[in-house]
Amino acid sequence: MIMKNWIQAARLRTLPLSLSGIIVGSAYAYHQGYSNWKIVILALFTTLGLQVLSNFANDYGDGIKGTDDNRIGEKRLVAAGIISAQQMKKAVIITAIVTFVLALALIYVAFGKENFALSLIFILLGVGSIGAAIKYTVGTNAYGYSGFGDVFVFIFFGLVSVMGSNFLFTHFVDWKLLLPAAGIGFLSVAVLNLNNMRDIENDRIAGKNTLVVKMGLEIAKNYHELLLIFGSTLFLLFSIITATSIKPILIIYFPLILHVRNVRNAKNYEDFDPELKKVALTTFALSILFWLTLVFLC
């Protein structure tokens, strides 16, 4: 039962989305002629560590502030009293340490002893990622309570995840990759936006001023559509520029169109919860289709 609680706190349904950027960056590296299975595995595990860390920290931060007391959707363990705040705090510390060790191993495999400057840059990037995962809801200056969650998700789930993972293989920047990197970023922000639309009333009461709380639900729906349009269009542009198959993006257009209709017609806050899962899984599916296309069809 205890293990079941910690698995629930880790929020397994959020993990596929966190892997999407790594899959895209690694797939393009293979397309460029670079392959190292150790980097792939360590990058995936490091990203999983960061996501679980973020989930634990979010459960802890929102739990001690009372934000999750009346939330819609999956319950949070600290707010429900199933896991104590002190236990969750220890879990955050342990997960941060394990994730940092994984990041160090990844950096060593990617750069070895010869590229100290690059290693140092990525160590600082790793520390920044761990800090961002924790500071979303933890502390008096938590950026998730000031409406900056969207910016950090775009940067770390999109740009850092895709561009950073690709750089681990190639040791140079291919600026064309900014297109799918931003695409993953926008789609990841769309998932956060759905979460915030679902929780808008509870967040407003708790003083959690997400972007949705600031702009209101109707504008947030329009913003959501723009995120999906930007995300999918950037992938399409990348395929055209690089003369690679556009099939991945064409396949995911249909579920996204249905999703937009459901969001537009949503009347109750509970209606956003199943749509959150759909966008997260659609983004993950897009990354897998992108990988299959670049590895087997190009």
Protein backbone atom coordinates (compact mmCIF):
# COMPACT_ATOMS: atom_id res chain seq x y z
CA MET A 1 0.00 0.00 0.00
CA ILE A 2 2.89 2.38 0.83
CA MET A 3 4.53 1.70 -2.53
CA LYS A 4 1.19 2.29 -4.26
CA ASN A 5 0.98 5.73 -2.64
CA TRP A 6 4.45 6.72 -3.84
CA ILE A 7 3.67 5.49 -7.34
CA GLN A 8 0.55 7.62 -7.29
CA ALA A 9 2.58 10.62 -6.08
CA ALA A 10 5.01 10.09 -8.98
CA ARG A 11 2.04 10.60 -11.39
CA LEU A 12 2.97 8.01 -14.00
CA ARG A 13 0.62 9.54 -16.55
CA THR A 14 2.84 12.63 -16.77
CA LEU A 15 6.00 10.68 -17.62
CA PRO A 16 5.47 10.03 -21.36
CA LEU A 17 5.18 13.76 -22.09
CA SER A 18 8.49 14.43 -20.33
CA LEU A 19 10.23 11.91 -22.60
CA SER A 20 8.96 13.45 -25.84
CA GLY A 21 11.72 16.04 -26.18
CA ILE A 22 14.48 13.48 -25.58
CA ILE A 23 13.00 11.18 -28.21
CA VAL A 24 12.84 13.99 -30.79
CA GLY A 25 16.36 15.24 -30.10
CA SER A 26 17.83 11.72 -30.14
CA ALA A 27 15.97 10.79 -33.33
CA TYR A 28 17.37 13.79 -35.17
CA ALA A 29 20.86 12.97 -33.90
CA TYR A 30 20.51 9.50 -35.45
CA HIS A 31 19.34 11.15 -38.67
CA GLN A 32 22.50 13.30 -38.53
CA GLY A 33 24.66 10.19 -38.20
CA TYR A 34 25.20 10.10 -34.42
CA SER A 35 24.19 7.19 -32.21
CA ASN A 36 25.04 6.17 -28.63
CA TRP A 37 22.62 3.98 -26.71
CA LYS A 38 24.21 4.93 -23.37
CA ILE A 39 23.35 8.60 -23.95
CA VAL A 40 19.80 7.69 -24.93
CA ILE A 41 19.18 5.57 -21.81
CA LEU A 42 20.83 8.01 -19.39
CA ALA A 43 19.01 10.97 -20.94
CA LEU A 44 15.66 9.19 -20.62
CA PHE A 45 16.29 8.23 -16.99
CA THR A 46 17.54 11.72 -16.11
CA THR A 47 14.40 13.22 -17.63
CA LEU A 48 12.19 10.76 -15.76
CA GLY A 49 14.00 11.74 -12.57
CA LEU A 50 13.35 15.42 -13.23
CA GLN A 51 9.66 14.78 -13.91
CA VAL A 52 9.17 12.67 -10.77
CA LEU A 53 11.07 15.33 -8.80
CA SER A 54 8.76 17.99 -10.20
CA ASN A 55 5.70 15.93 -9.29
CA PHE A 56 6.90 15.29 -5.73
CA ALA A 57 7.82 18.96 -5.28
CA ASN A 58 4.46 20.06 -6.69
CA ASP A 59 2.61 17.73 -4.32
CA TYR A 60 4.65 19.08 -1.42
CA GLY A 61 4.50 22.78 -2.38
CA ASP A 62 0.79 22.89 -3.14
CA GLY A 63 0.01 20.60 -0.22
CA ILE A 64 1.59 22.76 2.48
CA LYS A 65 0.04 25.90 0.99
CA GLY A 66 -3.45 24.41 0.91
CA THR A 67 -3.78 24.78 -2.86
CA ASP A 68 -4.80 21.14 -3.37
CA ASP A 69 -7.43 21.02 -0.62
CA ASN A 70 -10.36 21.18 -3.05
CA ARG A 71 -8.74 20.31 -6.36
CA ILE A 72 -10.47 18.58 -9.27
CA GLY A 73 -9.02 15.39 -10.72
CA GLU A 74 -6.41 13.05 -9.28
CA LYS A 75 -5.90 13.63 -5.56
CA ARG A 76 -2.60 14.85 -4.14
CA LEU A 77 -1.06 12.82 -1.37
CA VAL A 78 0.17 15.55 0.99
CA ALA A 79 -3.13 17.44 0.84
CA ALA A 80 -5.01 14.22 1.48
CA GLY A 81 -2.81 13.40 4.48
CA ILE A 82 -1.72 10.07 2.99
CA ILE A 83 1.93 11.14 2.82
CA SER A 84 3.19 13.67 5.36
CA ALA A 85 4.81 16.91 4.26
CA GLN A 86 8.06 15.83 5.95
CA GLN A 87 8.08 12.50 4.11
CA MET A 88 7.47 14.25 0.79
CA LYS A 89 10.22 16.76 1.51
CA LYS A 90 12.67 13.90 2.08
CA ALA A 91 11.51 12.29 -1.17
CA VAL A 92 12.17 15.56 -3.02
CA ILE A 93 15.72 15.71 -1.62
CA ILE A 94 16.48 12.06 -2.41
CA THR A 95 15.03 12.31 -5.93
CA ALA A 96 17.03 15.49 -6.57
CA ILE A 97 20.26 13.75 -5.54
CA VAL A 98 19.56 10.64 -7.65
CA THR A 99 18.64 12.79 -10.65
CA PHE A 100 21.81 14.86 -10.29
CA VAL A 101 23.94 11.69 -10.18
CA LEU A 102 22.21 10.45 -13.35
CA ALA A 103 22.85 13.83 -14.99
CA LEU A 104 26.56 13.66 -14.07
CA ALA A 105 26.80 10.16 -15.57
CA LEU A 106 25.07 11.39 -18.73
CA ILE A 107 27.43 14.36 -19.04
CA TYR A 108 30.49 12.15 -18.53
CA VAL A 109 29.39 9.67 -21.21
CA ALA A 110 28.58 12.51 -23.64
CA PHE A 111 31.70 14.66 -23.16
CA GLY A 112 34.27 12.56 -21.30
CA LYS A 113 37.26 14.26 -19.70
CA GLU A 114 38.29 16.22 -22.78
CA ASN A 115 35.42 18.74 -22.92
CA PHE A 116 35.51 20.34 -19.48
CA ALA A 117 33.84 23.57 -20.63
CA LEU A 118 30.90 21.74 -22.21
CA SER A 119 30.63 19.47 -19.17
CA LEU A 120 30.50 22.49 -16.87
CA ILE A 121 27.80 24.15 -18.98
CA PHE A 122 25.63 21.04 -18.84
CA ILE A 123 26.24 20.58 -15.11
CA LEU A 124 24.95 24.11 -14.57
CA LEU A 125 22.04 23.31 -16.89
CA GLY A 126 21.30 20.21 -14.83
CA VAL A 127 21.36 22.19 -11.59
CA GLY A 128 19.06 24.76 -13.20
CA SER A 129 16.65 22.03 -14.31
CA ILE A 130 16.52 20.55 -10.82
CA GLY A 131 15.96 24.00 -9.35
CA ALA A 132 13.19 24.74 -11.85
CA ALA A 133 11.49 21.42 -11.06
CA ILE A 134 11.41 22.28 -7.36
CA LYS A 135 10.67 26.00 -7.51
CA TYR A 136 7.48 25.63 -9.56
CA THR A 137 5.41 25.46 -6.36
CA VAL A 138 7.93 25.34 -3.50
CA GLY A 139 8.98 28.46 -1.61
CA THR A 140 7.65 31.97 -1.21
CA ASN A 141 8.74 32.95 -4.73
CA ALA A 142 7.43 29.86 -6.53
CA TYR A 143 7.14 30.87 -10.19
CA GLY A 144 4.07 28.70 -10.75
CA TYR A 145 2.17 31.08 -8.45
CA SER A 146 3.16 34.11 -10.52
CA GLY A 147 2.08 32.95 -13.99
CA PHE A 148 5.53 31.96 -15.26
CA GLY A 149 4.89 28.21 -15.41
CA ASP A 150 4.18 28.38 -19.14
CA VAL A 151 7.55 30.01 -19.86
CA PHE A 152 9.53 27.45 -17.87
CA VAL A 153 7.65 24.49 -19.40
CA PHE A 154 8.33 25.85 -22.90
CA ILE A 155 12.02 26.28 -22.13
CA PHE A 156 12.73 23.03 -20.29
CA PHE A 157 10.25 20.60 -21.91
CA GLY A 158 10.87 22.03 -25.38
CA LEU A 159 14.10 23.89 -26.05
CA VAL A 160 16.36 22.37 -23.41
CA SER A 161 15.00 18.84 -23.79
CA VAL A 162 15.21 18.65 -27.59
CA MET A 163 18.22 20.89 -28.30
CA GLY A 164 20.12 19.70 -25.23
CA SER A 165 19.65 15.99 -25.88
CA ASN A 166 20.70 16.44 -29.52
CA PHE A 167 23.81 18.39 -28.48
CA LEU A 168 24.87 15.52 -26.20
CA PHE A 169 25.35 13.44 -29.35
CA THR A 170 26.60 15.97 -31.88
CA HIS A 171 28.42 18.64 -29.80
CA PHE A 172 27.08 21.32 -32.14
CA VAL A 173 23.80 23.19 -32.64
CA ASP A 174 21.64 22.59 -35.71
CA TRP A 175 19.33 25.58 -35.72
CA LYS A 176 16.70 23.76 -37.80
CA LEU A 177 16.01 21.69 -34.71
CA LEU A 178 14.60 24.80 -33.02
CA LEU A 179 11.40 24.20 -34.98
CA PRO A 180 10.43 20.81 -33.46
CA ALA A 181 11.98 21.89 -30.13
CA ALA A 182 9.61 24.86 -29.97
CA GLY A 183 6.83 22.59 -31.27
CA ILE A 184 7.26 20.19 -28.33
CA GLY A 185 7.48 23.22 -26.06
CA PHE A 186 4.17 24.66 -27.24
CA LEU A 187 2.40 21.29 -26.99
CA SER A 188 3.77 20.79 -23.47
CA VAL A 189 2.53 24.24 -22.47
CA ALA A 190 -0.87 23.21 -23.85
CA VAL A 191 -0.92 20.34 -21.34
CA LEU A 192 -0.12 22.75 -18.51
CA ASN A 193 -2.78 25.15 -19.79
CA LEU A 194 -5.40 22.39 -19.62
CA ASN A 195 -4.32 21.60 -16.08
CA ASN A 196 -4.67 25.26 -15.14
CA MET A 197 -8.05 25.61 -16.86
CA ARG A 198 -9.30 22.65 -14.87
CA ASP A 199 -8.00 24.13 -11.61
CA ILE A 200 -8.80 27.80 -12.29
CA GLU A 201 -11.31 28.31 -9.46
CA ASN A 202 -9.31 26.44 -6.87
CA ASP A 203 -6.10 28.25 -7.92
CA ARG A 204 -7.82 31.63 -7.75
CA ILE A 205 -9.03 30.96 -4.22
CA ALA A 206 -5.61 29.71 -3.14
CA GLY A 207 -3.80 32.71 -4.63
CA LYS A 208 -2.05 30.66 -7.30
CA ASN A 209 -2.03 33.23 -10.11
CA THR A 210 -1.46 31.02 -13.13
CA LEU A 211 -1.69 32.55 -16.59
CA VAL A 212 -5.20 31.10 -16.87
CA VAL A 213 -6.27 32.82 -13.64
CA LYS A 214 -4.88 36.09 -14.98
CA MET A 215 -6.47 35.92 -18.45
CA GLY A 216 -9.76 34.14 -17.68
CA LEU A 217 -11.19 30.91 -19.04
CA GLU A 218 -12.43 32.09 -22.45
CA ILE A 219 -9.17 33.78 -23.40
CA ALA A 220 -7.33 30.72 -22.08
CA LYS A 221 -9.29 28.58 -24.57
CA ASN A 222 -8.17 30.83 -27.43
CA TYR A 223 -4.61 30.74 -26.11
CA HIS A 224 -4.85 26.95 -26.02
CA GLU A 225 -5.80 26.75 -29.68
CA LEU A 226 -2.85 28.98 -30.61
CA LEU A 227 -0.48 26.71 -28.69
CA LEU A 228 -1.69 23.69 -30.65
CA ILE A 229 -1.52 25.54 -33.97
CA PHE A 230 2.02 26.80 -33.32
CA GLY A 231 3.19 23.40 -32.07
CA SER A 232 1.89 21.40 -35.01
CA THR A 233 2.82 23.99 -37.65
CA LEU A 234 6.45 24.14 -36.51
CA PHE A 235 6.75 20.37 -36.93
CA LEU A 236 5.26 20.70 -40.41
CA LEU A 237 7.74 23.45 -41.32
CA PHE A 238 10.63 21.33 -40.09
CA SER A 239 9.52 18.43 -42.29
CA ILE A 240 9.29 20.71 -45.32
CA ILE A 241 12.67 22.38 -44.71
CA THR A 242 14.49 19.09 -44.10
CA ALA A 243 12.59 17.19 -46.83
CA THR A 244 11.50 14.54 -44.33
CA SER A 245 8.10 12.88 -44.16
CA ILE A 246 5.13 14.96 -42.98
CA LYS A 247 3.21 11.82 -42.00
CA PRO A 248 3.78 12.16 -38.22
CA ILE A 249 2.17 15.57 -38.03
CA LEU A 250 -0.65 14.64 -40.43
CA ILE A 251 -1.52 11.64 -38.27
CA ILE A 252 -1.83 13.67 -35.07
CA TYR A 253 -3.87 16.47 -36.70
CA PHE A 254 -7.10 14.45 -36.41
CA PRO A 255 -7.02 13.87 -32.63
CA LEU A 256 -5.94 17.49 -32.10
CA ILE A 257 -8.89 18.78 -34.13
CA LEU A 258 -11.29 16.67 -32.06
CA HIS A 259 -9.57 17.87 -28.92
CA VAL A 260 -9.95 21.55 -29.86
CA ARG A 261 -13.68 21.02 -30.38
CA ASN A 262 -14.01 19.36 -26.96
CA VAL A 263 -12.13 22.19 -25.23
CA ARG A 264 -14.19 24.83 -27.00
CA ASN A 265 -17.42 23.12 -25.88
CA ALA A 266 -16.27 22.37 -22.31
CA LYS A 267 -18.77 23.69 -19.76
CA ASN A 268 -17.49 22.19 -16.51
CA TYR A 269 -13.96 22.30 -15.12
CA GLU A 270 -13.98 18.48 -14.89
CA ASP A 271 -14.28 18.35 -18.71
CA PHE A 272 -10.67 19.48 -19.08
CA ASP A 273 -9.15 16.54 -17.18
CA PRO A 274 -9.58 13.84 -19.89
CA GLU A 275 -8.43 16.33 -22.54
CA LEU A 276 -5.19 16.83 -20.60
CA LYS A 277 -4.36 13.14 -21.01
CA LYS A 278 -5.19 13.26 -24.71
CA VAL A 279 -2.77 16.10 -25.50
CA ALA A 280 -0.01 14.57 -23.38
CA LEU A 281 -0.34 11.20 -25.12
CA THR A 282 -0.73 12.81 -28.55
CA THR A 283 2.52 14.73 -28.03
CA PHE A 284 4.26 11.52 -26.97
CA ALA A 285 2.81 9.72 -30.01
CA LEU A 286 4.10 12.52 -32.24
CA SER A 287 7.61 12.09 -30.84
CA ILE A 288 7.48 8.32 -31.43
CA LEU A 289 6.22 8.81 -34.99
CA PHE A 290 8.97 11.41 -35.53
CA TRP A 291 11.55 8.88 -34.30
CA LEU A 292 10.17 6.08 -36.48
CA THR A 293 10.19 8.37 -39.52
CA LEU A 294 13.77 9.61 -39.10
CA VAL A 295 15.20 6.22 -38.13
CA PHE A 296 13.40 3.95 -40.61
CA LEU A 297 12.00 6.06 -43.44
CA CYS A 298 14.72 8.69 -44.09
